[in-house]
Amino acid sequence: MPFHPLKFQLPLATGGIALMAYNYLQFAVPTRGDVIIGDLLAARMSAPQFLLNWFLVGLMLIFTVFTLVTAAVYLRQMFKWRRDKALYEKFLADSPTAVVGGCIPYASLAMTAMVCFAPLAFFCPLLSSNTQALMLPGLLLYGVLWIGLIRYECIILKKWLTQPFDETKLNFIWLLDAFSFGMMSLMGAAIAATAHSASIASIAACAALFVSILGLLLLAVKLCYLVILQLRAAALPGINVLPSFFIVVPISCLYGFGLHKMAYYLKAHHSMDMTSMHFFTLLAPYVIAVGWALFTVYLLWEYLRNDFLKCDFAFPQWSII
């Protein structure tokens, strides 16, 4: 299969699963800071806890390795693809829902970086004991991804605003840039919340806040436009793009988690009482995510029951994961 930027959804998804296991262990295992494998070895656990925690450790190890390997493979393919000017120009000349897929590599590499700082550090004492020393390189990497995503978004926004396109072909895949900005917001907020250096934390926080505002504006405008188009349409879009309706769920969680991390930064570096913000930034995204997920399952019930397991693979199916 030839390279396509949406291939980066694979390390994006596997990285998310690795982080899910890590976040559970962070709260389930007694620790004074970020959880590491030594904390698990020293913890007293019942038999069910022992089995569950070590199952999650194995799961996290598999998906961490898979994330790093696939990210490296696809990054190499992407550099080769970008060097072919004809292929890249052909991609940019495609429909808006296809071109927006070029944002996904930035989101995926941000996820891979967070996997290095959390699940990989869980297994590697050299990383976990030098977290603060890695904050500056992490900020530099974040800056490269941040600039790259902003630059690419400017290219596609100019294309959409200056060239005609068939609005009837728009679907929820069009929200992939809002998703990518949410991931970029989360990475920056995580650096801001973790760094002890006020300078590093402040730069990361400002950059994360900028992409959060930009991403939420894009999300609001595009989502309203898509809902209006769907209400005007006589039927649901084709089977291959139906799973893209689920993309609102991870988008809401990303912005919520990003703002939640931002609250830790404000508390640590500005001594602000963020109790209410912690509560709101966790509750609101989950309410939106659960509500939209239930609505989408109801809306797509016939597809999920009759067609999902029978139809060929399509990139929008990653939205469900």
C-alpha atoms as a PDB file:
ATOM      1  CA  MET A   1       0.000   0.000   0.000  1.00  0.00           C
ATOM      2  CA  PRO A   2       1.521   3.388  -0.965  1.00  0.00           C
ATOM      3  CA  PHE A   3       2.234   5.885   1.777  1.00  0.00           C
ATOM      4  CA  HIS A   4      -0.558   8.141   2.968  1.00  0.00           C
ATOM      5  CA  PRO A   5      -0.371  10.530   5.977  1.00  0.00           C
ATOM      6  CA  LEU A   6      -3.364   8.768   7.532  1.00  0.00           C
ATOM      7  CA  LYS A   7      -1.140   5.733   8.090  1.00  0.00           C
ATOM      8  CA  PHE A   8       0.124   7.626  11.136  1.00  0.00           C
ATOM      9  CA  GLN A   9      -3.211   6.848  12.773  1.00  0.00           C
ATOM     10  CA  LEU A  10      -1.752   3.441  13.667  1.00  0.00           C
ATOM     11  CA  PRO A  11       0.999   4.689  16.059  1.00  0.00           C
ATOM     12  CA  LEU A  12      -1.453   7.353  17.205  1.00  0.00           C
ATOM     13  CA  ALA A  13      -3.959   4.703  18.286  1.00  0.00           C
ATOM     14  CA  THR A  14      -1.426   2.289  19.798  1.00  0.00           C
ATOM     15  CA  GLY A  15       0.228   5.156  21.673  1.00  0.00           C
ATOM     16  CA  GLY A  16      -3.137   6.095  23.126  1.00  0.00           C
ATOM     17  CA  ILE A  17      -3.657   2.538  24.388  1.00  0.00           C
ATOM     18  CA  ALA A  18      -0.188   2.513  25.992  1.00  0.00           C
ATOM     19  CA  LEU A  19      -0.965   5.826  27.727  1.00  0.00           C
ATOM     20  CA  MET A  20      -4.311   4.486  28.965  1.00  0.00           C
ATOM     21  CA  ALA A  21      -2.538   1.627  30.739  1.00  0.00           C
ATOM     22  CA  TYR A  22       0.083   4.018  32.126  1.00  0.00           C
ATOM     23  CA  ASN A  23      -2.504   6.455  33.477  1.00  0.00           C
ATOM     24  CA  TYR A  24      -4.366   3.647  35.232  1.00  0.00           C
ATOM     25  CA  LEU A  25      -1.147   2.439  36.903  1.00  0.00           C
ATOM     26  CA  GLN A  26      -0.297   6.029  37.877  1.00  0.00           C
ATOM     27  CA  PHE A  27      -3.389   6.125  40.087  1.00  0.00           C
ATOM     28  CA  ALA A  28      -3.547   2.434  41.080  1.00  0.00           C
ATOM     29  CA  VAL A  29       0.042   1.960  42.304  1.00  0.00           C
ATOM     30  CA  PRO A  30       1.403   3.864  45.347  1.00  0.00           C
ATOM     31  CA  THR A  31       4.115   6.250  44.167  1.00  0.00           C
ATOM     32  CA  ARG A  32       5.647   9.598  45.143  1.00  0.00           C
ATOM     33  CA  GLY A  33       5.867  10.860  41.572  1.00  0.00           C
ATOM     34  CA  ASP A  34       5.513   9.370  38.118  1.00  0.00           C
ATOM     35  CA  VAL A  35       4.944   5.635  38.368  1.00  0.00           C
ATOM     36  CA  ILE A  36       7.818   3.370  37.312  1.00  0.00           C
ATOM     37  CA  ILE A  37       8.197  -0.382  37.227  1.00  0.00           C
ATOM     38  CA  GLY A  38      10.095  -0.295  40.543  1.00  0.00           C
ATOM     39  CA  ASP A  39       6.973   1.062  42.279  1.00  0.00           C
ATOM     40  CA  LEU A  40       5.018  -1.919  41.011  1.00  0.00           C
ATOM     41  CA  LEU A  41       7.652  -4.370  42.233  1.00  0.00           C
ATOM     42  CA  ALA A  42       7.606  -2.796  45.709  1.00  0.00           C
ATOM     43  CA  ALA A  43       3.819  -2.499  46.030  1.00  0.00           C
ATOM     44  CA  ARG A  44       1.689  -4.853  48.096  1.00  0.00           C
ATOM     45  CA  MET A  45      -1.252  -6.081  46.063  1.00  0.00           C
ATOM     46  CA  SER A  46      -4.052  -8.590  46.261  1.00  0.00           C
ATOM     47  CA  ALA A  47      -4.092 -11.410  43.709  1.00  0.00           C
ATOM     48  CA  PRO A  48      -6.642  -9.700  41.412  1.00  0.00           C
ATOM     49  CA  GLN A  49      -4.715  -6.404  41.572  1.00  0.00           C
ATOM     50  CA  PHE A  50      -1.464  -8.240  40.843  1.00  0.00           C
ATOM     51  CA  LEU A  51      -2.906  -9.939  37.766  1.00  0.00           C
ATOM     52  CA  LEU A  52      -4.572  -6.765  36.463  1.00  0.00           C
ATOM     53  CA  ASN A  53      -1.549  -4.508  37.003  1.00  0.00           C
ATOM     54  CA  TRP A  54       0.920  -6.878  35.399  1.00  0.00           C
ATOM     55  CA  PHE A  55      -1.462  -7.530  32.528  1.00  0.00           C
ATOM     56  CA  LEU A  56      -1.513  -3.767  31.929  1.00  0.00           C
ATOM     57  CA  VAL A  57       2.280  -3.652  32.141  1.00  0.00           C
ATOM     58  CA  GLY A  58       2.536  -6.310  29.433  1.00  0.00           C
ATOM     59  CA  LEU A  59      -0.053  -4.502  27.332  1.00  0.00           C
ATOM     60  CA  MET A  60       1.781  -1.210  27.775  1.00  0.00           C
ATOM     61  CA  LEU A  61       5.110  -2.758  26.779  1.00  0.00           C
ATOM     62  CA  ILE A  62       3.686  -4.298  23.591  1.00  0.00           C
ATOM     63  CA  PHE A  63       1.938  -1.118  22.484  1.00  0.00           C
ATOM     64  CA  THR A  64       4.867   1.111  23.419  1.00  0.00           C
ATOM     65  CA  VAL A  65       7.236  -0.922  21.245  1.00  0.00           C
ATOM     66  CA  PHE A  66       4.661  -1.051  18.454  1.00  0.00           C
ATOM     67  CA  THR A  67       4.165   2.729  18.612  1.00  0.00           C
ATOM     68  CA  LEU A  68       7.873   3.504  18.412  1.00  0.00           C
ATOM     69  CA  VAL A  69       8.544   1.016  15.599  1.00  0.00           C
ATOM     70  CA  THR A  70       5.602   2.052  13.405  1.00  0.00           C
ATOM     71  CA  ALA A  71       6.276   5.768  13.996  1.00  0.00           C
ATOM     72  CA  ALA A  72       9.886   5.285  12.843  1.00  0.00           C
ATOM     73  CA  VAL A  73       8.830   3.286   9.768  1.00  0.00           C
ATOM     74  CA  TYR A  74       6.152   5.768   8.702  1.00  0.00           C
ATOM     75  CA  LEU A  75       8.407   8.752   9.383  1.00  0.00           C
ATOM     76  CA  ARG A  76      10.965   7.328   6.978  1.00  0.00           C
ATOM     77  CA  GLN A  77       8.239   6.739   4.384  1.00  0.00           C
ATOM     78  CA  MET A  78       6.888  10.248   4.879  1.00  0.00           C
ATOM     79  CA  PHE A  79      10.269  11.888   4.229  1.00  0.00           C
ATOM     80  CA  LYS A  80      10.577   9.885   1.016  1.00  0.00           C
ATOM     81  CA  TRP A  81       7.013  10.864   0.042  1.00  0.00           C
ATOM     82  CA  ARG A  82       7.612  14.562   0.725  1.00  0.00           C
ATOM     83  CA  ARG A  83      10.738  14.565  -1.443  1.00  0.00           C
ATOM     84  CA  ASP A  84       8.568  13.540  -4.401  1.00  0.00           C
ATOM     85  CA  LYS A  85       7.189  16.975  -5.289  1.00  0.00           C
ATOM     86  CA  ALA A  86       4.729  15.627  -7.848  1.00  0.00           C
ATOM     87  CA  LEU A  87       3.135  13.239  -5.349  1.00  0.00           C
ATOM     88  CA  TYR A  88       2.922  15.923  -2.670  1.00  0.00           C
ATOM     89  CA  GLU A  89       1.351  18.489  -5.017  1.00  0.00           C
ATOM     90  CA  LYS A  90      -1.149  15.877  -6.181  1.00  0.00           C
ATOM     91  CA  PHE A  91      -2.076  15.223  -2.553  1.00  0.00           C
ATOM     92  CA  LEU A  92      -2.581  18.948  -1.846  1.00  0.00           C
ATOM     93  CA  ALA A  93      -4.831  19.225  -4.906  1.00  0.00           C
ATOM     94  CA  ASP A  94      -7.221  16.602  -3.535  1.00  0.00           C
ATOM     95  CA  SER A  95     -10.531  17.240  -1.726  1.00  0.00           C
ATOM     96  CA  PRO A  96     -10.589  19.066   1.654  1.00  0.00           C
ATOM     97  CA  THR A  97     -11.348  15.862   3.567  1.00  0.00           C
ATOM     98  CA  ALA A  98      -8.295  14.205   1.981  1.00  0.00           C
ATOM     99  CA  VAL A  99      -5.880  17.121   2.351  1.00  0.00           C
ATOM    100  CA  VAL A 100      -6.688  17.567   6.061  1.00  0.00           C
ATOM    101  CA  GLY A 101      -5.190  14.115   6.646  1.00  0.00           C
ATOM    102  CA  GLY A 102      -1.774  15.762   6.342  1.00  0.00           C
ATOM    103  CA  CYS A 103      -2.235  17.058   9.896  1.00  0.00           C
ATOM    104  CA  ILE A 104      -2.234  13.556  11.370  1.00  0.00           C
ATOM    105  CA  PRO A 105       1.573  12.952  11.273  1.00  0.00           C
ATOM    106  CA  TYR A 106       2.076  15.958  13.583  1.00  0.00           C
ATOM    107  CA  ALA A 107      -0.521  14.648  16.032  1.00  0.00           C
ATOM    108  CA  SER A 108       0.932  11.140  15.841  1.00  0.00           C
ATOM    109  CA  LEU A 109       4.501  12.305  16.496  1.00  0.00           C
ATOM    110  CA  ALA A 110       3.239  14.340  19.474  1.00  0.00           C
ATOM    111  CA  MET A 111       1.644  11.154  20.797  1.00  0.00           C
ATOM    112  CA  THR A 112       4.884   9.236  20.218  1.00  0.00           C
ATOM    113  CA  ALA A 113       6.795  11.870  22.207  1.00  0.00           C
ATOM    114  CA  MET A 114       4.354  11.506  25.118  1.00  0.00           C
ATOM    115  CA  VAL A 115       4.797   7.731  24.954  1.00  0.00           C
ATOM    116  CA  CYS A 116       8.547   8.281  25.358  1.00  0.00           C
ATOM    117  CA  PHE A 117       8.029  10.541  28.385  1.00  0.00           C
ATOM    118  CA  ALA A 118       5.559   8.224  30.143  1.00  0.00           C
ATOM    119  CA  PRO A 119       5.227   4.505  29.181  1.00  0.00           C
ATOM    120  CA  LEU A 120       8.803   4.214  27.895  1.00  0.00           C
ATOM    121  CA  ALA A 121      10.118   5.992  31.006  1.00  0.00           C
ATOM    122  CA  PHE A 122       8.130   3.484  33.101  1.00  0.00           C
ATOM    123  CA  PHE A 123      10.424   0.712  31.828  1.00  0.00           C
ATOM    124  CA  CYS A 124      13.613   2.768  31.484  1.00  0.00           C
ATOM    125  CA  PRO A 125      15.140   4.143  34.731  1.00  0.00           C
ATOM    126  CA  LEU A 126      17.537   6.313  32.719  1.00  0.00           C
ATOM    127  CA  LEU A 127      14.583   8.255  31.329  1.00  0.00           C
ATOM    128  CA  SER A 128      12.504   8.369  34.508  1.00  0.00           C
ATOM    129  CA  SER A 129      15.410   9.655  36.606  1.00  0.00           C
ATOM    130  CA  ASN A 130      16.245  12.419  34.124  1.00  0.00           C
ATOM    131  CA  THR A 131      12.788  13.770  33.345  1.00  0.00           C
ATOM    132  CA  GLN A 132      13.692  17.408  33.937  1.00  0.00           C
ATOM    133  CA  ALA A 133      16.789  17.140  31.754  1.00  0.00           C
ATOM    134  CA  LEU A 134      14.512  16.022  28.923  1.00  0.00           C
ATOM    135  CA  MET A 135      12.155  18.987  29.208  1.00  0.00           C
ATOM    136  CA  LEU A 136      14.242  21.289  26.997  1.00  0.00           C
ATOM    137  CA  PRO A 137      14.667  18.716  24.187  1.00  0.00           C
ATOM    138  CA  GLY A 138      10.974  17.971  24.556  1.00  0.00           C
ATOM    139  CA  LEU A 139      10.134  21.654  24.192  1.00  0.00           C
ATOM    140  CA  LEU A 140      12.333  21.929  21.091  1.00  0.00           C
ATOM    141  CA  LEU A 141      10.611  18.920  19.518  1.00  0.00           C
ATOM    142  CA  TYR A 142       7.269  20.437  20.457  1.00  0.00           C
ATOM    143  CA  GLY A 143       8.289  23.672  18.757  1.00  0.00           C
ATOM    144  CA  VAL A 144       9.158  21.854  15.532  1.00  0.00           C
ATOM    145  CA  LEU A 145       5.822  19.994  15.503  1.00  0.00           C
ATOM    146  CA  TRP A 146       3.913  23.159  16.524  1.00  0.00           C
ATOM    147  CA  ILE A 147       5.407  25.241  13.714  1.00  0.00           C
ATOM    148  CA  GLY A 148       4.927  22.413  11.201  1.00  0.00           C
ATOM    149  CA  LEU A 149       1.251  21.986  12.076  1.00  0.00           C
ATOM    150  CA  ILE A 150       0.525  25.736  12.018  1.00  0.00           C
ATOM    151  CA  ARG A 151       2.293  26.077   8.670  1.00  0.00           C
ATOM    152  CA  TYR A 152       0.388  23.159   7.140  1.00  0.00           C
ATOM    153  CA  GLU A 153      -2.923  24.484   8.486  1.00  0.00           C
ATOM    154  CA  CYS A 154      -2.215  27.851   6.846  1.00  0.00           C
ATOM    155  CA  ILE A 155      -1.590  26.083   3.513  1.00  0.00           C
ATOM    156  CA  ILE A 156      -4.879  24.184   3.591  1.00  0.00           C
ATOM    157  CA  LEU A 157      -6.884  27.132   4.943  1.00  0.00           C
ATOM    158  CA  LYS A 158      -5.650  29.259   2.054  1.00  0.00           C
ATOM    159  CA  LYS A 159      -6.654  26.501  -0.346  1.00  0.00           C
ATOM    160  CA  TRP A 160     -10.143  26.241   1.130  1.00  0.00           C
ATOM    161  CA  LEU A 161     -10.715  30.012   1.193  1.00  0.00           C
ATOM    162  CA  THR A 162      -9.443  30.763  -2.298  1.00  0.00           C
ATOM    163  CA  GLN A 163     -10.435  27.701  -4.323  1.00  0.00           C
ATOM    164  CA  PRO A 164     -13.917  26.261  -4.937  1.00  0.00           C
ATOM    165  CA  PHE A 165     -14.703  22.769  -3.645  1.00  0.00           C
ATOM    166  CA  ASP A 166     -17.704  20.454  -3.581  1.00  0.00           C
ATOM    167  CA  GLU A 167     -19.247  20.933  -0.139  1.00  0.00           C
ATOM    168  CA  THR A 168     -21.413  17.853  -0.607  1.00  0.00           C
ATOM    169  CA  LYS A 169     -18.271  15.717  -0.220  1.00  0.00           C
ATOM    170  CA  LEU A 170     -17.445  17.136   3.212  1.00  0.00           C
ATOM    171  CA  ASN A 171     -17.755  14.778   6.171  1.00  0.00           C
ATOM    172  CA  PHE A 172     -16.465  14.440   9.716  1.00  0.00           C
ATOM    173  CA  ILE A 173     -12.988  13.509   8.464  1.00  0.00           C
ATOM    174  CA  TRP A 174     -12.730  17.272   7.894  1.00  0.00           C
ATOM    175  CA  LEU A 175     -12.259  17.635  11.669  1.00  0.00           C
ATOM    176  CA  LEU A 176      -8.849  15.942  11.659  1.00  0.00           C
ATOM    177  CA  ASP A 177      -7.064  19.289  11.942  1.00  0.00           C
ATOM    178  CA  ALA A 178      -9.105  20.157  15.054  1.00  0.00           C
ATOM    179  CA  PHE A 179      -8.108  16.739  16.408  1.00  0.00           C
ATOM    180  CA  SER A 180      -4.435  17.421  15.654  1.00  0.00           C
ATOM    181  CA  PHE A 181      -4.548  20.798  17.388  1.00  0.00           C
ATOM    182  CA  GLY A 182      -6.060  19.070  20.409  1.00  0.00           C
ATOM    183  CA  MET A 183      -3.165  16.600  20.517  1.00  0.00           C
ATOM    184  CA  MET A 184      -0.666  19.439  20.145  1.00  0.00           C
ATOM    185  CA  SER A 185      -2.416  21.271  22.982  1.00  0.00           C
ATOM    186  CA  LEU A 186      -2.140  18.213  25.220  1.00  0.00           C
ATOM    187  CA  MET A 187       1.585  17.745  24.550  1.00  0.00           C
ATOM    188  CA  GLY A 188       2.354  21.389  25.318  1.00  0.00           C
ATOM    189  CA  ALA A 189       0.218  21.374  28.452  1.00  0.00           C
ATOM    190  CA  ALA A 190       1.924  18.165  29.622  1.00  0.00           C
ATOM    191  CA  ILE A 191       5.348  19.803  29.274  1.00  0.00           C
ATOM    192  CA  ALA A 192       4.091  22.910  31.104  1.00  0.00           C
ATOM    193  CA  ALA A 193       2.696  20.821  33.955  1.00  0.00           C
ATOM    194  CA  THR A 194       5.825  18.669  34.292  1.00  0.00           C
ATOM    195  CA  ALA A 195       8.706  21.130  33.849  1.00  0.00           C
ATOM    196  CA  HIS A 196      10.209  22.668  36.981  1.00  0.00           C
ATOM    197  CA  SER A 197      11.783  25.462  34.941  1.00  0.00           C
ATOM    198  CA  ALA A 198       9.424  28.434  34.875  1.00  0.00           C
ATOM    199  CA  SER A 199      10.721  29.520  31.456  1.00  0.00           C
ATOM    200  CA  ILE A 200      10.189  26.148  29.792  1.00  0.00           C
ATOM    201  CA  ALA A 201       6.793  25.717  31.432  1.00  0.00           C
ATOM    202  CA  SER A 202       5.604  29.200  30.451  1.00  0.00           C
ATOM    203  CA  ILE A 203       6.683  28.862  26.806  1.00  0.00           C
ATOM    204  CA  ALA A 204       4.972  25.476  26.535  1.00  0.00           C
ATOM    205  CA  ALA A 205       1.836  26.782  28.241  1.00  0.00           C
ATOM    206  CA  CYS A 206       1.541  29.804  25.932  1.00  0.00           C
ATOM    207  CA  ALA A 207       2.049  27.647  22.843  1.00  0.00           C
ATOM    208  CA  ALA A 208      -0.491  25.102  24.094  1.00  0.00           C
ATOM    209  CA  LEU A 209      -3.040  27.817  24.859  1.00  0.00           C
ATOM    210  CA  PHE A 210      -2.636  29.264  21.356  1.00  0.00           C
ATOM    211  CA  VAL A 211      -3.305  25.948  19.599  1.00  0.00           C
ATOM    212  CA  SER A 212      -6.156  25.203  22.021  1.00  0.00           C
ATOM    213  CA  ILE A 213      -7.953  28.421  21.090  1.00  0.00           C
ATOM    214  CA  LEU A 214      -7.265  27.961  17.378  1.00  0.00           C
ATOM    215  CA  GLY A 215      -8.344  24.329  17.458  1.00  0.00           C
ATOM    216  CA  LEU A 216     -11.554  25.032  19.374  1.00  0.00           C
ATOM    217  CA  LEU A 217     -12.448  27.794  16.901  1.00  0.00           C
ATOM    218  CA  LEU A 218     -11.876  25.407  13.989  1.00  0.00           C
ATOM    219  CA  LEU A 219     -13.912  22.733  15.747  1.00  0.00           C
ATOM    220  CA  ALA A 220     -16.853  25.075  16.435  1.00  0.00           C
ATOM    221  CA  VAL A 221     -17.001  26.459  12.880  1.00  0.00           C
ATOM    222  CA  LYS A 222     -16.491  23.143  11.098  1.00  0.00           C
ATOM    223  CA  LEU A 223     -18.789  21.116  13.347  1.00  0.00           C
ATOM    224  CA  CYS A 224     -21.635  23.598  12.934  1.00  0.00           C
ATOM    225  CA  TYR A 225     -21.097  23.618   9.167  1.00  0.00           C
ATOM    226  CA  LEU A 226     -21.058  19.808   8.978  1.00  0.00           C
ATOM    227  CA  VAL A 227     -24.215  19.495  11.065  1.00  0.00           C
ATOM    228  CA  ILE A 228     -26.000  21.988   8.782  1.00  0.00           C
ATOM    229  CA  LEU A 229     -24.836  20.078   5.684  1.00  0.00           C
ATOM    230  CA  GLN A 230     -25.970  16.781   7.201  1.00  0.00           C
ATOM    231  CA  LEU A 231     -29.406  18.210   8.037  1.00  0.00           C
ATOM    232  CA  ARG A 232     -29.743  19.336   4.419  1.00  0.00           C
ATOM    233  CA  ALA A 233     -28.644  15.967   3.033  1.00  0.00           C
ATOM    234  CA  ALA A 234     -31.171  13.323   2.134  1.00  0.00           C
ATOM    235  CA  ALA A 235     -29.203  10.508   3.768  1.00  0.00           C
ATOM    236  CA  LEU A 236     -26.081   9.575   5.693  1.00  0.00           C
ATOM    237  CA  PRO A 237     -22.745   9.586   3.804  1.00  0.00           C
ATOM    238  CA  GLY A 238     -21.191   6.453   2.344  1.00  0.00           C
ATOM    239  CA  ILE A 239     -20.316   3.427   4.451  1.00  0.00           C
ATOM    240  CA  ASN A 240     -16.562   4.075   4.250  1.00  0.00           C
ATOM    241  CA  VAL A 241     -16.802   7.437   6.058  1.00  0.00           C
ATOM    242  CA  LEU A 242     -19.566   6.687   8.580  1.00  0.00           C
ATOM    243  CA  PRO A 243     -17.118   5.811  11.416  1.00  0.00           C
ATOM    244  CA  SER A 244     -15.746   9.364  11.193  1.00  0.00           C
ATOM    245  CA  PHE A 245     -18.795  10.513  13.188  1.00  0.00           C
ATOM    246  CA  PHE A 246     -17.005   9.126  16.268  1.00  0.00           C
ATOM    247  CA  ILE A 247     -14.094  11.569  15.933  1.00  0.00           C
ATOM    248  CA  VAL A 248     -15.842  14.146  18.124  1.00  0.00           C
ATOM    249  CA  VAL A 249     -15.318  11.818  21.108  1.00  0.00           C
ATOM    250  CA  PRO A 250     -11.467  11.873  21.159  1.00  0.00           C
ATOM    251  CA  ILE A 251     -11.456  15.551  20.191  1.00  0.00           C
ATOM    252  CA  SER A 252     -13.477  16.517  23.258  1.00  0.00           C
ATOM    253  CA  CYS A 253     -11.243  14.402  25.495  1.00  0.00           C
ATOM    254  CA  LEU A 254      -8.019  15.866  24.087  1.00  0.00           C
ATOM    255  CA  TYR A 255      -9.025  19.467  24.742  1.00  0.00           C
ATOM    256  CA  GLY A 256     -10.359  18.567  28.164  1.00  0.00           C
ATOM    257  CA  PHE A 257      -7.175  16.746  29.174  1.00  0.00           C
ATOM    258  CA  GLY A 258      -5.065  19.587  27.790  1.00  0.00           C
ATOM    259  CA  LEU A 259      -6.907  22.168  29.885  1.00  0.00           C
ATOM    260  CA  HIS A 260      -6.713  19.814  32.868  1.00  0.00           C
ATOM    261  CA  LYS A 261      -2.922  19.695  32.516  1.00  0.00           C
ATOM    262  CA  MET A 262      -2.887  23.473  32.110  1.00  0.00           C
ATOM    263  CA  ALA A 263      -4.536  23.747  35.529  1.00  0.00           C
ATOM    264  CA  TYR A 264      -1.580  21.876  37.070  1.00  0.00           C
ATOM    265  CA  TYR A 265       0.770  24.401  35.464  1.00  0.00           C
ATOM    266  CA  LEU A 266      -1.198  27.351  36.862  1.00  0.00           C
ATOM    267  CA  LYS A 267      -1.247  25.781  40.327  1.00  0.00           C
ATOM    268  CA  ALA A 268       2.470  24.918  40.360  1.00  0.00           C
ATOM    269  CA  HIS A 269       3.898  28.097  38.831  1.00  0.00           C
ATOM    270  CA  HIS A 270       1.314  30.741  39.740  1.00  0.00           C
ATOM    271  CA  SER A 271      -0.074  29.352  43.021  1.00  0.00           C
ATOM    272  CA  MET A 272      -3.657  29.543  41.756  1.00  0.00           C
ATOM    273  CA  ASP A 273      -6.490  27.506  43.263  1.00  0.00           C
ATOM    274  CA  MET A 274      -7.580  25.332  40.347  1.00  0.00           C
ATOM    275  CA  THR A 275      -9.993  22.981  42.153  1.00  0.00           C
ATOM    276  CA  SER A 276     -12.994  24.114  40.120  1.00  0.00           C
ATOM    277  CA  MET A 277     -11.056  23.996  36.836  1.00  0.00           C
ATOM    278  CA  HIS A 278      -9.830  20.450  37.593  1.00  0.00           C
ATOM    279  CA  PHE A 279     -13.422  19.345  38.127  1.00  0.00           C
ATOM    280  CA  PHE A 280     -14.801  21.127  35.059  1.00  0.00           C
ATOM    281  CA  THR A 281     -12.059  20.043  32.657  1.00  0.00           C
ATOM    282  CA  LEU A 282     -12.619  16.397  33.566  1.00  0.00           C
ATOM    283  CA  LEU A 283     -16.408  16.385  33.826  1.00  0.00           C
ATOM    284  CA  ALA A 284     -17.352  18.452  30.746  1.00  0.00           C
ATOM    285  CA  PRO A 285     -15.294  16.468  28.166  1.00  0.00           C
ATOM    286  CA  TYR A 286     -16.586  13.149  29.499  1.00  0.00           C
ATOM    287  CA  VAL A 287     -20.194  14.338  29.373  1.00  0.00           C
ATOM    288  CA  ILE A 288     -19.711  15.522  25.773  1.00  0.00           C
ATOM    289  CA  ALA A 289     -17.812  12.358  24.795  1.00  0.00           C
ATOM    290  CA  VAL A 290     -20.327   9.932  26.318  1.00  0.00           C
ATOM    291  CA  GLY A 291     -23.305  11.873  24.969  1.00  0.00           C
ATOM    292  CA  TRP A 292     -21.881  12.063  21.440  1.00  0.00           C
ATOM    293  CA  ALA A 293     -20.801   8.390  21.506  1.00  0.00           C
ATOM    294  CA  LEU A 294     -24.300   7.225  22.504  1.00  0.00           C
ATOM    295  CA  PHE A 295     -25.895   9.458  19.878  1.00  0.00           C
ATOM    296  CA  THR A 296     -23.501   8.178  17.195  1.00  0.00           C
ATOM    297  CA  VAL A 297     -24.134   4.535  18.078  1.00  0.00           C
ATOM    298  CA  TYR A 298     -27.876   5.179  17.796  1.00  0.00           C
ATOM    299  CA  LEU A 299     -27.412   7.037  14.509  1.00  0.00           C
ATOM    300  CA  LEU A 300     -25.172   4.378  12.963  1.00  0.00           C
ATOM    301  CA  TRP A 301     -26.784   1.333  14.558  1.00  0.00           C
ATOM    302  CA  GLU A 302     -27.787  -0.267  11.238  1.00  0.00           C
ATOM    303  CA  TYR A 303     -24.247   0.213   9.894  1.00  0.00           C
ATOM    304  CA  LEU A 304     -22.612  -1.179  13.039  1.00  0.00           C
ATOM    305  CA  ARG A 305     -24.936  -4.178  13.120  1.00  0.00           C
ATOM    306  CA  ASN A 306     -25.023  -5.085   9.442  1.00  0.00           C
ATOM    307  CA  ASP A 307     -22.009  -3.625   7.657  1.00  0.00           C
ATOM    308  CA  PHE A 308     -19.123  -2.834  10.013  1.00  0.00           C
ATOM    309  CA  LEU A 309     -17.641  -6.343  10.168  1.00  0.00           C
ATOM    310  CA  LYS A 310     -18.266  -7.026   6.481  1.00  0.00           C
ATOM    311  CA  CYS A 311     -16.994  -3.869   4.775  1.00  0.00           C
ATOM    312  CA  ASP A 312     -13.406  -3.328   3.658  1.00  0.00           C
ATOM    313  CA  PHE A 313     -10.921  -1.419   5.802  1.00  0.00           C
ATOM    314  CA  ALA A 314     -11.073   2.360   5.555  1.00  0.00           C
ATOM    315  CA  PHE A 315      -9.022   4.957   7.439  1.00  0.00           C
ATOM    316  CA  PRO A 316     -12.094   6.548   9.163  1.00  0.00           C
ATOM    317  CA  GLN A 317     -12.537   3.311  11.136  1.00  0.00           C
ATOM    318  CA  TRP A 318      -9.658   4.465  13.352  1.00  0.00           C
ATOM    319  CA  SER A 319     -12.077   7.081  14.759  1.00  0.00           C
ATOM    320  CA  ILE A 320     -13.831   4.304  16.676  1.00  0.00           C
ATOM    321  CA  ILE A 321     -10.595   3.297  18.395  1.00  0.00           C
END
